[in-house]
Amino acid sequence: MRRFTFLLRPSWLILAAVVAGFAYLCFTVLAPWQLGKNTTTSARNQRIADSVHAAPIDVGTLLSGSTKDTEWRRVTASGSYVPESTVLVRLQHLGSAPAFSVLSAFTLDDGRTVLIDRGLLAAVNGSGTPRVPDAPAGPQHLEARVRASEGIIDSKPPMSGDGYRQVYSIDTQQESTVLGIPLTPLPTNARGGYLQLDEHQPGAFTPVDLPQLDAGPYLSYGLQWLAFGIMAPLGLGYFVFAEIRARRRERAESAPADQPIPTGDPNTPTPETPTPPPAPKPPTTEARLASRYGDTRR
């Protein structure tokens, strides 16, 4: 077992700890993170693809049902827009140009009120607030998609500017507070959802494009992290094997050569010959190893 005692050196122990920690992160954090994103993206793409061909259902059915994950479902909603309920969402993009999303409250025929994303309006002169036409009055019948709330940005609270209430994200709970209206969230994520109008609907502007149905590189990234988690211990094992092989070779090279066997009659006197001075001893294995590691190794 002495051949393995060099593994107790601090440098080898540190290397082994780094490799073990890296492999642990690969298998428990990095690979599951990427594979989880691949699963989520694939499920989202499937829901979008299914919704393209599915007939819309009444939004009241979703509000009264027990289904939790309804994002991207196509729905219909009958009711009327709440007057003076416009809220603008800043820092949006229409193509490559700055834009604002226009939000309004919409009261359904059953009395519940939901949040409506009416679409995008381009900013004026690069960043100015556009003039937003009022939502049409009277009874309306809308077709829309269910979207999940984005959450809020704590560092960017709601504000008022140019005569409009303005926020930085689309969030049903936040907009309910901003408008002072109890909005009913659609059953999606923990913060609830809202409705995003389809094209050519009453009160709609430029709709937000559907995301591309591409799963992305997450699966390949996840497999790469799994491969790295396997390769790291194998690489450590290779270096250990190479070190053991180098030590064997150096010990073999430093072993003393066999002494020659004398010939002739042992009883025959031989003339005395001067004894040559002892030859300098070659450096020991430990000395040669010391030159490589800076001190004598175990």
Foldseek 3Di string as FASTA:
>chain_A
DVLPPLCVDPVNVVLVVVLVVLLVCLVPPQLCVLVVLLVVLLVVLVLQVVQVPDDADALVCQLPDDDQAFFFHKYKFKFWWDWPLWEWAFDDDDPNAGWIWIKTWTAGPVGAIFIETQAIDGADPRHHDDDADTFDGDMFMFIWGKHAWPDADVVWAWDDDPHHTYGHTGFGVNSCVVRVHDHDFGRRDPRGIGTYGDPPGGRHDHGDDDDDSDSPCSNVSSVVSNVSSVVSVVVSVVVSVVVSVVLVVLQVVLDDDDDDDDDDDPPDDDDDDDDDDDDDRDDHSQVVVCVVVVHGGD
